[in-house]
Amino acid sequence: MSILSRLKQAVRLLERDVHALYLAARDPRVPWYAKAVALAVAAYALSPIDLIPDFVPVLGFLDDLVIVPLGIMLAIRLIPPAIMAEHRSTAAAAAARPRSRLAAVAIVILWIAAAALLLWLFWPRLAALL
């Protein structure tokens, strides 16, 4: 197995675990402290905002390479193994489903239409402020 294929596999496993942590954070069988850690890790991993911005050389990507995996490991240790295994299988099944490009285009069109509507509604007020 090449290094690139191993990295791709590791990224897929991280994505699956982040999704599983999100699912576990919503599970009533998981203790509250594990839910808090799992939700924080999933939110940080999926958030476009980082503690250290990515444009900072080396440190910007280092936080993603260190903080996210350590947070995932901590959250996994706090969640009961049987529940985590259940959510991992659910996350893996969700990742295996085909993704619809048409649905993605429809969502983007809806967001653009909503932004245009808001701009049209509030343009007189915005123009007065400028």
N, C-alpha and C. Protein backbone atom coordinates (compact mmCIF):
# COMPACT_ATOMS: atom_id res chain seq x y z
N MET A 1 0.84 -1.18 0.00
CA MET A 1 0.00 0.00 0.00
C MET A 1 0.89 1.25 0.00
N SER A 2 0.61 2.19 -0.88
CA SER A 2 1.43 3.39 -0.96
C SER A 2 1.09 4.35 0.19
N ILE A 3 1.95 5.32 0.39
CA ILE A 3 1.75 6.30 1.45
C ILE A 3 0.48 7.11 1.18
N LEU A 4 0.26 7.46 -0.07
CA LEU A 4 -0.92 8.25 -0.43
C LEU A 4 -2.20 7.48 -0.14
N SER A 5 -2.25 6.21 -0.47
CA SER A 5 -3.46 5.42 -0.20
C SER A 5 -3.66 5.24 1.30
N ARG A 6 -2.58 5.11 2.06
CA ARG A 6 -2.72 5.01 3.52
C ARG A 6 -3.24 6.32 4.11
N LEU A 7 -2.77 7.45 3.59
CA LEU A 7 -3.27 8.74 4.06
C LEU A 7 -4.75 8.92 3.73
N LYS A 8 -5.14 8.53 2.52
CA LYS A 8 -6.55 8.62 2.14
C LYS A 8 -7.41 7.76 3.06
N GLN A 9 -6.93 6.56 3.38
CA GLN A 9 -7.67 5.66 4.28
C GLN A 9 -7.77 6.28 5.67
N ALA A 10 -6.69 6.89 6.16
CA ALA A 10 -6.72 7.53 7.48
C ALA A 10 -7.71 8.69 7.50
N VAL A 11 -7.75 9.46 6.42
CA VAL A 11 -8.70 10.58 6.35
C VAL A 11 -10.14 10.06 6.34
N ARG A 12 -10.38 8.99 5.60
CA ARG A 12 -11.74 8.40 5.59
C ARG A 12 -12.14 7.93 6.98
N LEU A 13 -11.21 7.32 7.70
CA LEU A 13 -11.51 6.85 9.06
C LEU A 13 -11.77 8.03 9.99
N LEU A 14 -11.00 9.12 9.84
CA LEU A 14 -11.25 10.30 10.65
C LEU A 14 -12.62 10.90 10.35
N GLU A 15 -12.97 10.98 9.07
CA GLU A 15 -14.29 11.49 8.70
C GLU A 15 -15.39 10.62 9.29
N ARG A 16 -15.21 9.30 9.20
CA ARG A 16 -16.20 8.39 9.76
C ARG A 16 -16.32 8.58 11.27
N ASP A 17 -15.19 8.73 11.96
CA ASP A 17 -15.22 8.89 13.41
C ASP A 17 -15.84 10.23 13.82
N VAL A 18 -15.59 11.28 13.05
CA VAL A 18 -16.21 12.58 13.36
C VAL A 18 -17.72 12.47 13.21
N HIS A 19 -18.19 11.81 12.15
CA HIS A 19 -19.62 11.60 11.97
C HIS A 19 -20.18 10.73 13.10
N ALA A 20 -19.45 9.69 13.47
CA ALA A 20 -19.90 8.82 14.56
C ALA A 20 -19.96 9.58 15.88
N LEU A 21 -19.01 10.48 16.11
CA LEU A 21 -19.04 11.29 17.33
C LEU A 21 -20.24 12.22 17.35
N TYR A 22 -20.57 12.78 16.20
CA TYR A 22 -21.77 13.61 16.11
C TYR A 22 -23.01 12.79 16.46
N LEU A 23 -23.09 11.59 15.91
CA LEU A 23 -24.22 10.72 16.22
C LEU A 23 -24.24 10.34 17.70
N ALA A 24 -23.08 10.07 18.26
CA ALA A 24 -23.00 9.69 19.68
C ALA A 24 -23.39 10.85 20.58
N ALA A 25 -23.08 12.06 20.17
CA ALA A 25 -23.42 13.24 20.97
C ALA A 25 -24.94 13.41 21.08
N ARG A 26 -25.68 12.83 20.17
CA ARG A 26 -27.14 12.93 20.19
C ARG A 26 -27.81 11.70 20.81
N ASP A 27 -27.00 10.72 21.22
CA ASP A 27 -27.52 9.46 21.76
C ASP A 27 -27.79 9.60 23.26
N PRO A 28 -29.00 9.26 23.73
CA PRO A 28 -29.30 9.40 25.16
C PRO A 28 -28.54 8.40 26.04
N ARG A 29 -27.97 7.36 25.47
CA ARG A 29 -27.23 6.38 26.27
C ARG A 29 -25.81 6.83 26.59
N VAL A 30 -25.35 7.90 25.98
CA VAL A 30 -23.99 8.40 26.19
C VAL A 30 -24.02 9.39 27.36
N PRO A 31 -23.03 9.28 28.30
CA PRO A 31 -22.98 10.22 29.43
C PRO A 31 -22.82 11.66 28.95
N TRP A 32 -23.29 12.61 29.75
CA TRP A 32 -23.30 14.01 29.35
C TRP A 32 -21.90 14.55 29.06
N TYR A 33 -20.90 14.15 29.86
CA TYR A 33 -19.56 14.66 29.65
C TYR A 33 -18.96 14.13 28.34
N ALA A 34 -19.30 12.90 27.97
CA ALA A 34 -18.85 12.34 26.70
C ALA A 34 -19.55 13.05 25.54
N LYS A 35 -20.84 13.38 25.74
CA LYS A 35 -21.57 14.13 24.71
C LYS A 35 -20.94 15.50 24.48
N ALA A 36 -20.56 16.16 25.57
CA ALA A 36 -19.97 17.50 25.46
C ALA A 36 -18.65 17.44 24.69
N VAL A 37 -17.80 16.47 25.02
CA VAL A 37 -16.52 16.34 24.34
C VAL A 37 -16.74 15.95 22.87
N ALA A 38 -17.63 14.99 22.62
CA ALA A 38 -17.89 14.54 21.25
C ALA A 38 -18.45 15.66 20.40
N LEU A 39 -19.37 16.42 20.93
CA LEU A 39 -19.95 17.54 20.18
C LEU A 39 -18.91 18.62 19.91
N ALA A 40 -18.07 18.91 20.91
CA ALA A 40 -17.02 19.93 20.72
C ALA A 40 -16.02 19.48 19.65
N VAL A 41 -15.63 18.22 19.68
CA VAL A 41 -14.66 17.72 18.69
C VAL A 41 -15.28 17.72 17.31
N ALA A 42 -16.52 17.25 17.18
CA ALA A 42 -17.18 17.23 15.88
C ALA A 42 -17.36 18.65 15.35
N ALA A 43 -17.75 19.57 16.22
CA ALA A 43 -17.94 20.96 15.79
C ALA A 43 -16.62 21.58 15.34
N TYR A 44 -15.54 21.32 16.09
CA TYR A 44 -14.24 21.87 15.71
C TYR A 44 -13.74 21.27 14.40
N ALA A 45 -13.94 19.97 14.24
CA ALA A 45 -13.46 19.30 13.03
C ALA A 45 -14.23 19.78 11.79
N LEU A 46 -15.51 20.06 11.94
CA LEU A 46 -16.32 20.47 10.80
C LEU A 46 -16.37 21.98 10.59
N SER A 47 -15.90 22.74 11.58
CA SER A 47 -15.96 24.19 11.51
C SER A 47 -14.89 24.75 10.58
N PRO A 48 -15.23 25.76 9.83
CA PRO A 48 -14.22 26.40 8.98
C PRO A 48 -13.28 27.31 9.79
N ILE A 49 -13.60 27.54 11.07
CA ILE A 49 -12.80 28.41 11.92
C ILE A 49 -11.88 27.55 12.77
N ASP A 50 -10.59 27.86 12.78
CA ASP A 50 -9.59 27.13 13.54
C ASP A 50 -9.06 27.99 14.68
N LEU A 51 -8.46 27.33 15.69
CA LEU A 51 -7.78 28.07 16.74
C LEU A 51 -6.60 28.84 16.16
N ILE A 52 -5.85 28.17 15.31
CA ILE A 52 -4.73 28.80 14.62
C ILE A 52 -5.07 28.78 13.13
N PRO A 53 -5.21 29.94 12.50
CA PRO A 53 -5.59 29.97 11.08
C PRO A 53 -4.61 29.20 10.21
N ASP A 54 -5.14 28.60 9.15
CA ASP A 54 -4.33 27.76 8.27
C ASP A 54 -3.26 28.54 7.51
N PHE A 55 -3.40 29.85 7.37
CA PHE A 55 -2.39 30.60 6.64
C PHE A 55 -1.12 30.83 7.46
N VAL A 56 -1.15 30.54 8.77
CA VAL A 56 0.06 30.63 9.59
C VAL A 56 0.92 29.42 9.23
N PRO A 57 2.14 29.65 8.77
CA PRO A 57 2.98 28.53 8.32
C PRO A 57 3.15 27.47 9.39
N VAL A 58 3.05 26.25 9.03
CA VAL A 58 3.23 25.04 9.82
C VAL A 58 2.20 24.93 10.95
N LEU A 59 2.13 25.92 11.82
CA LEU A 59 1.22 25.84 12.97
C LEU A 59 -0.25 25.79 12.55
N GLY A 60 -0.58 26.42 11.44
CA GLY A 60 -1.97 26.43 10.98
C GLY A 60 -2.49 25.05 10.67
N PHE A 61 -1.66 24.21 10.08
CA PHE A 61 -2.08 22.84 9.78
C PHE A 61 -1.77 21.89 10.92
N LEU A 62 -0.82 22.26 11.76
CA LEU A 62 -0.44 21.39 12.87
C LEU A 62 -1.59 21.23 13.86
N ASP A 63 -2.36 22.30 14.08
CA ASP A 63 -3.49 22.16 15.00
C ASP A 63 -4.51 21.16 14.47
N ASP A 64 -4.72 21.14 13.14
CA ASP A 64 -5.65 20.17 12.56
C ASP A 64 -5.09 18.75 12.66
N LEU A 65 -3.80 18.62 12.54
CA LEU A 65 -3.18 17.30 12.59
C LEU A 65 -3.01 16.77 14.00
N VAL A 66 -3.07 17.64 15.01
CA VAL A 66 -2.87 17.22 16.40
C VAL A 66 -4.16 17.31 17.20
N ILE A 67 -4.81 18.46 17.18
CA ILE A 67 -5.98 18.69 18.04
C ILE A 67 -7.15 17.77 17.67
N VAL A 68 -7.45 17.68 16.39
CA VAL A 68 -8.60 16.86 15.98
C VAL A 68 -8.41 15.38 16.33
N PRO A 69 -7.28 14.75 15.95
CA PRO A 69 -7.12 13.33 16.32
C PRO A 69 -7.08 13.10 17.83
N LEU A 70 -6.43 13.99 18.59
CA LEU A 70 -6.41 13.83 20.05
C LEU A 70 -7.81 13.99 20.65
N GLY A 71 -8.57 14.94 20.12
CA GLY A 71 -9.94 15.12 20.59
C GLY A 71 -10.81 13.91 20.25
N ILE A 72 -10.61 13.36 19.06
CA ILE A 72 -11.36 12.15 18.68
C ILE A 72 -11.01 11.00 19.61
N MET A 73 -9.72 10.83 19.89
CA MET A 73 -9.30 9.73 20.78
C MET A 73 -9.90 9.90 22.18
N LEU A 74 -9.90 11.13 22.70
CA LEU A 74 -10.48 11.37 24.02
C LEU A 74 -11.97 11.07 24.03
N ALA A 75 -12.68 11.56 23.03
CA ALA A 75 -14.12 11.33 22.98
C ALA A 75 -14.44 9.85 22.84
N ILE A 76 -13.67 9.13 22.03
CA ILE A 76 -13.91 7.70 21.85
C ILE A 76 -13.70 6.95 23.16
N ARG A 77 -12.71 7.36 23.94
CA ARG A 77 -12.47 6.71 25.24
C ARG A 77 -13.61 6.95 26.22
N LEU A 78 -14.28 8.08 26.09
CA LEU A 78 -15.37 8.41 27.02
C LEU A 78 -16.69 7.75 26.66
N ILE A 79 -16.84 7.37 25.41
CA ILE A 79 -18.09 6.76 24.95
C ILE A 79 -17.99 5.25 25.12
N PRO A 80 -19.03 4.61 25.65
CA PRO A 80 -19.00 3.14 25.78
C PRO A 80 -18.72 2.47 24.43
N PRO A 81 -17.83 1.45 24.41
CA PRO A 81 -17.40 0.84 23.14
C PRO A 81 -18.53 0.29 22.27
N ALA A 82 -19.53 -0.32 22.87
CA ALA A 82 -20.63 -0.88 22.08
C ALA A 82 -21.40 0.23 21.36
N ILE A 83 -21.62 1.34 22.04
CA ILE A 83 -22.35 2.46 21.44
C ILE A 83 -21.51 3.09 20.33
N MET A 84 -20.21 3.22 20.58
CA MET A 84 -19.33 3.80 19.56
C MET A 84 -19.28 2.91 18.31
N ALA A 85 -19.23 1.60 18.51
CA ALA A 85 -19.21 0.67 17.37
C ALA A 85 -20.49 0.80 16.56
N GLU A 86 -21.61 0.94 17.26
CA GLU A 86 -22.90 1.10 16.57
C GLU A 86 -22.91 2.37 15.71
N HIS A 87 -22.42 3.47 16.27
CA HIS A 87 -22.42 4.73 15.54
C HIS A 87 -21.37 4.74 14.42
N ARG A 88 -20.28 4.03 14.61
CA ARG A 88 -19.29 3.92 13.53
C ARG A 88 -19.88 3.18 12.34
N SER A 89 -20.64 2.12 12.61
CA SER A 89 -21.25 1.39 11.49
C SER A 89 -22.30 2.24 10.79
N THR A 90 -23.05 3.02 11.56
CA THR A 90 -24.03 3.92 10.96
C THR A 90 -23.34 4.98 10.10
N ALA A 91 -22.24 5.54 10.61
CA ALA A 91 -21.49 6.56 9.86
C ALA A 91 -20.87 5.97 8.60
N ALA A 92 -20.37 4.74 8.70
CA ALA A 92 -19.78 4.09 7.52
C ALA A 92 -20.84 3.82 6.46
N ALA A 93 -22.02 3.43 6.89
CA ALA A 93 -23.11 3.19 5.94
C ALA A 93 -23.53 4.49 5.27
N ALA A 94 -23.54 5.58 6.04
CA ALA A 94 -23.92 6.88 5.46
C ALA A 94 -22.88 7.34 4.45
N ALA A 95 -21.61 7.07 4.71
CA ALA A 95 -20.55 7.48 3.78
C ALA A 95 -20.59 6.65 2.50
N ALA A 96 -21.10 5.44 2.59
CA ALA A 96 -21.15 4.56 1.42
C ALA A 96 -22.30 4.91 0.48
N ARG A 97 -23.29 5.64 0.97
CA ARG A 97 -24.42 6.03 0.13
C ARG A 97 -23.99 6.99 -0.95
N PRO A 98 -24.58 6.90 -2.11
CA PRO A 98 -24.22 7.84 -3.18
C PRO A 98 -24.67 9.25 -2.84
N ARG A 99 -23.88 10.21 -3.30
CA ARG A 99 -24.21 11.61 -3.08
C ARG A 99 -24.79 12.18 -4.36
N SER A 100 -25.82 12.96 -4.21
CA SER A 100 -26.50 13.52 -5.37
C SER A 100 -25.95 14.91 -5.67
N ARG A 101 -25.37 15.06 -6.84
CA ARG A 101 -24.88 16.37 -7.27
C ARG A 101 -26.05 17.29 -7.57
N LEU A 102 -27.14 16.73 -8.03
CA LEU A 102 -28.33 17.53 -8.32
C LEU A 102 -28.86 18.16 -7.03
N ALA A 103 -28.89 17.39 -5.95
CA ALA A 103 -29.34 17.93 -4.67
C ALA A 103 -28.41 19.03 -4.18
N ALA A 104 -27.11 18.85 -4.37
CA ALA A 104 -26.14 19.88 -3.97
C ALA A 104 -26.37 21.16 -4.76
N VAL A 105 -26.60 21.03 -6.06
CA VAL A 105 -26.87 22.20 -6.90
C VAL A 105 -28.17 22.88 -6.46
N ALA A 106 -29.18 22.10 -6.15
CA ALA A 106 -30.46 22.66 -5.70
C ALA A 106 -30.28 23.44 -4.40
N ILE A 107 -29.49 22.92 -3.48
CA ILE A 107 -29.25 23.62 -2.21
C ILE A 107 -28.50 24.92 -2.44
N VAL A 108 -27.50 24.89 -3.31
CA VAL A 108 -26.75 26.11 -3.62
C VAL A 108 -27.67 27.14 -4.25
N ILE A 109 -28.53 26.72 -5.14
CA ILE A 109 -29.48 27.65 -5.77
C ILE A 109 -30.43 28.24 -4.73
N LEU A 110 -30.88 27.43 -3.79
CA LEU A 110 -31.75 27.94 -2.72
C LEU A 110 -31.03 28.99 -1.88
N TRP A 111 -29.77 28.74 -1.52
CA TRP A 111 -29.00 29.70 -0.73
C TRP A 111 -28.80 31.01 -1.51
N ILE A 112 -28.50 30.91 -2.78
CA ILE A 112 -28.32 32.12 -3.60
C ILE A 112 -29.64 32.89 -3.69
N ALA A 113 -30.74 32.17 -3.87
CA ALA A 113 -32.06 32.82 -3.94
C ALA A 113 -32.40 33.49 -2.61
N ALA A 114 -32.10 32.83 -1.51
CA ALA A 114 -32.37 33.42 -0.20
C ALA A 114 -31.53 34.67 0.02
N ALA A 115 -30.25 34.62 -0.37
CA ALA A 115 -29.38 35.79 -0.23
C ALA A 115 -29.88 36.93 -1.10
N ALA A 116 -30.30 36.62 -2.33
CA ALA A 116 -30.81 37.65 -3.23
C ALA A 116 -32.09 38.27 -2.67
N LEU A 117 -32.96 37.45 -2.11
CA LEU A 117 -34.20 37.96 -1.52
C LEU A 117 -33.91 38.90 -0.35
N LEU A 118 -33.00 38.49 0.52
CA LEU A 118 -32.63 39.33 1.66
C LEU A 118 -32.00 40.64 1.20
N LEU A 119 -31.15 40.55 0.20
CA LEU A 119 -30.53 41.76 -0.34
C LEU A 119 -31.59 42.68 -0.94
N TRP A 120 -32.54 42.12 -1.68
CA TRP A 120 -33.61 42.91 -2.29
C TRP A 120 -34.48 43.57 -1.21
N LEU A 121 -34.78 42.81 -0.14
CA LEU A 121 -35.64 43.35 0.92
C LEU A 121 -34.95 44.46 1.72
N PHE A 122 -33.66 44.30 1.98
CA PHE A 122 -32.97 45.23 2.86
C PHE A 122 -32.09 46.25 2.13
N TRP A 123 -32.10 46.25 0.80
CA TRP A 123 -31.25 47.17 0.06
C TRP A 123 -31.53 48.63 0.39
N PRO A 124 -32.77 49.07 0.50
CA PRO A 124 -32.99 50.48 0.83
C PRO A 124 -32.36 50.87 2.18
N ARG A 125 -32.44 49.98 3.15
CA ARG A 125 -31.86 50.27 4.46
C ARG A 125 -30.34 50.25 4.41
N LEU A 126 -29.79 49.31 3.65
CA LEU A 126 -28.34 49.24 3.49
C LEU A 126 -27.79 50.44 2.74
N ALA A 127 -28.50 50.86 1.70
CA ALA A 127 -28.07 52.02 0.93
C ALA A 127 -28.09 53.29 1.78
N ALA A 128 -29.07 53.40 2.69
CA ALA A 128 -29.16 54.56 3.56
C ALA A 128 -27.99 54.60 4.54
N LEU A 129 -27.51 53.45 4.96
CA LEU A 129 -26.38 53.38 5.89
C LEU A 129 -25.07 53.76 5.21
N LEU A 130 -24.97 53.46 3.92
CA LEU A 130 -23.73 53.76 3.19
C LEU A 130 -23.76 55.20 2.79
